Amino acid sequence: MQVQSENIIFKKTIEFSLSTIVYVELLESQRKYVIARQLLRSATSIGANVHEAQNAESLADFIHRFKIAAKEVEETKYWLKLCSATSSYPDCGHLIEELNEIDKIITKIISTSKAK
């Protein structure tokens, strides 16, 4: 399942990972290590699974990788909800917005792929 490298989900997941790294560095500078590490793992895993899907052995494998990415989106939403609900944490609204866009794209890719 090779797709062109200039695709929107590639771009958005890379940008989201980079934005998350900056946010996590801010959390770590405030000694909020546990949430920072959990958030970093789940957020960067989204893009890793999207990229891995590009070398899928079959359509089913491609869909499976995107489903894993969708699960990581949900976990990342959880950590960001905790961050946004805690008054001593820096604002993460921009990350939530980026993640919502990624979620919509991944959902569409899964539904379109299942229809094939």
Protein backbone atom coordinates (compact mmCIF):
# COMPACT_ATOMS: atom_id res chain seq x y z
CA MET A 1 0.00 0.00 0.00
CA GLN A 2 2.49 2.64 -1.06
CA VAL A 3 1.15 6.19 -1.20
CA GLN A 4 2.79 9.40 -2.18
CA SER A 5 5.04 10.87 0.53
CA GLU A 6 3.43 14.33 0.28
CA ASN A 7 0.16 13.34 1.84
CA ILE A 8 -1.84 15.26 4.40
CA ILE A 9 -1.87 12.64 7.16
CA PHE A 10 1.92 12.33 6.98
CA LYS A 11 2.30 16.08 7.25
CA LYS A 12 -0.23 16.46 10.08
CA THR A 13 1.15 13.59 12.17
CA ILE A 14 4.72 14.90 11.86
CA GLU A 15 3.62 18.43 12.81
CA PHE A 16 1.57 17.07 15.72
CA SER A 17 4.50 14.99 16.99
CA LEU A 18 6.80 18.02 16.83
CA SER A 19 4.25 20.23 18.62
CA THR A 20 3.82 17.55 21.27
CA ILE A 21 7.57 17.29 21.80
CA VAL A 22 7.72 21.04 22.49
CA TYR A 23 4.76 20.78 24.92
CA VAL A 24 6.31 17.76 26.67
CA GLU A 25 9.59 19.62 27.08
CA LEU A 26 7.60 22.40 28.78
CA LEU A 27 5.92 19.86 31.07
CA GLU A 28 9.26 18.31 31.94
CA SER A 29 10.73 21.72 32.73
CA GLN A 30 7.90 21.99 35.28
CA ARG A 31 8.72 18.49 36.61
CA LYS A 32 5.50 16.91 35.34
CA TYR A 33 7.29 13.80 34.13
CA VAL A 34 4.68 11.04 34.38
CA ILE A 35 2.04 12.72 32.20
CA ALA A 36 4.73 14.09 29.88
CA ARG A 37 6.10 10.62 29.11
CA GLN A 38 2.68 9.04 28.62
CA LEU A 39 1.60 11.86 26.32
CA LEU A 40 4.82 11.70 24.29
CA ARG A 41 4.52 7.93 23.77
CA SER A 42 0.89 7.94 22.63
CA ALA A 43 1.13 11.11 20.53
CA THR A 44 4.20 10.04 18.56
CA SER A 45 2.82 6.52 18.12
CA ILE A 46 0.01 7.93 15.97
CA GLY A 47 2.39 9.03 13.24
CA ALA A 48 4.57 5.93 13.61
CA ASN A 49 1.58 3.69 12.87
CA VAL A 50 0.43 5.88 9.98
CA HIS A 51 3.90 5.64 8.46
CA GLU A 52 4.11 1.91 9.08
CA ALA A 53 0.77 1.44 7.28
CA GLN A 54 2.39 2.66 4.09
CA ASN A 55 4.32 -0.61 3.88
CA ALA A 56 1.37 -2.83 4.70
CA GLU A 57 1.34 -6.31 3.23
CA SER A 58 -2.38 -6.14 2.42
CA LEU A 59 -5.42 -3.89 2.64
CA ALA A 60 -6.37 -5.64 5.90
CA ASP A 61 -2.91 -4.89 7.33
CA PHE A 62 -3.20 -1.27 6.16
CA ILE A 63 -6.57 -0.89 7.92
CA HIS A 64 -5.22 -2.61 11.04
CA ARG A 65 -2.33 -0.11 11.29
CA PHE A 66 -4.73 2.80 10.95
CA LYS A 67 -6.96 1.28 13.63
CA ILE A 68 -3.96 1.18 15.95
CA ALA A 69 -3.29 4.83 15.10
CA ALA A 70 -6.95 5.59 15.96
CA LYS A 71 -6.51 3.92 19.35
CA GLU A 72 -3.42 6.03 19.99
CA VAL A 73 -5.48 9.12 19.09
CA GLU A 74 -7.96 8.15 21.82
CA GLU A 75 -5.23 7.62 24.39
CA THR A 76 -3.63 10.94 23.47
CA LYS A 77 -7.01 12.67 23.86
CA TYR A 78 -7.19 11.25 27.39
CA TRP A 79 -3.79 12.65 28.39
CA LEU A 80 -4.57 16.02 26.82
CA LYS A 81 -7.92 16.15 28.65
CA LEU A 82 -6.06 15.62 31.92
CA CYS A 83 -3.59 18.36 31.01
CA SER A 84 -6.34 20.81 30.06
CA ALA A 85 -8.33 20.02 33.22
CA THR A 86 -5.39 20.64 35.53
CA SER A 87 -4.97 24.32 36.30
CA SER A 88 -1.22 24.03 36.95
CA TYR A 89 -0.56 22.64 33.45
CA PRO A 90 0.22 24.85 30.44
CA ASP A 91 -2.49 25.34 27.84
CA CYS A 92 -2.72 22.49 25.34
CA GLY A 93 -5.70 23.70 23.30
CA HIS A 94 -3.62 23.89 20.13
CA LEU A 95 -2.69 20.21 20.50
CA ILE A 96 -6.32 19.22 21.02
CA GLU A 97 -7.28 21.08 17.82
CA GLU A 98 -4.50 19.42 15.82
CA LEU A 99 -5.45 16.01 17.21
CA ASN A 100 -9.11 16.47 16.31
CA GLU A 101 -8.11 17.14 12.68
CA ILE A 102 -5.92 14.03 12.64
CA ASP A 103 -8.73 11.98 14.17
CA LYS A 104 -11.13 13.00 11.38
CA ILE A 105 -8.62 12.13 8.68
CA ILE A 106 -7.77 8.74 10.19
CA THR A 107 -11.46 7.91 10.61
CA LYS A 108 -12.08 8.80 6.96
CA ILE A 109 -9.12 6.73 5.77
CA ILE A 110 -10.37 3.70 7.71
CA SER A 111 -13.94 4.00 6.42
CA THR A 112 -12.82 4.57 2.82
CA SER A 113 -10.41 1.64 2.99
CA LYS A 114 -13.07 -0.67 4.42
CA ALA A 115 -15.38 0.23 1.52
CA LYS A 116 -12.85 -1.10 -1.03
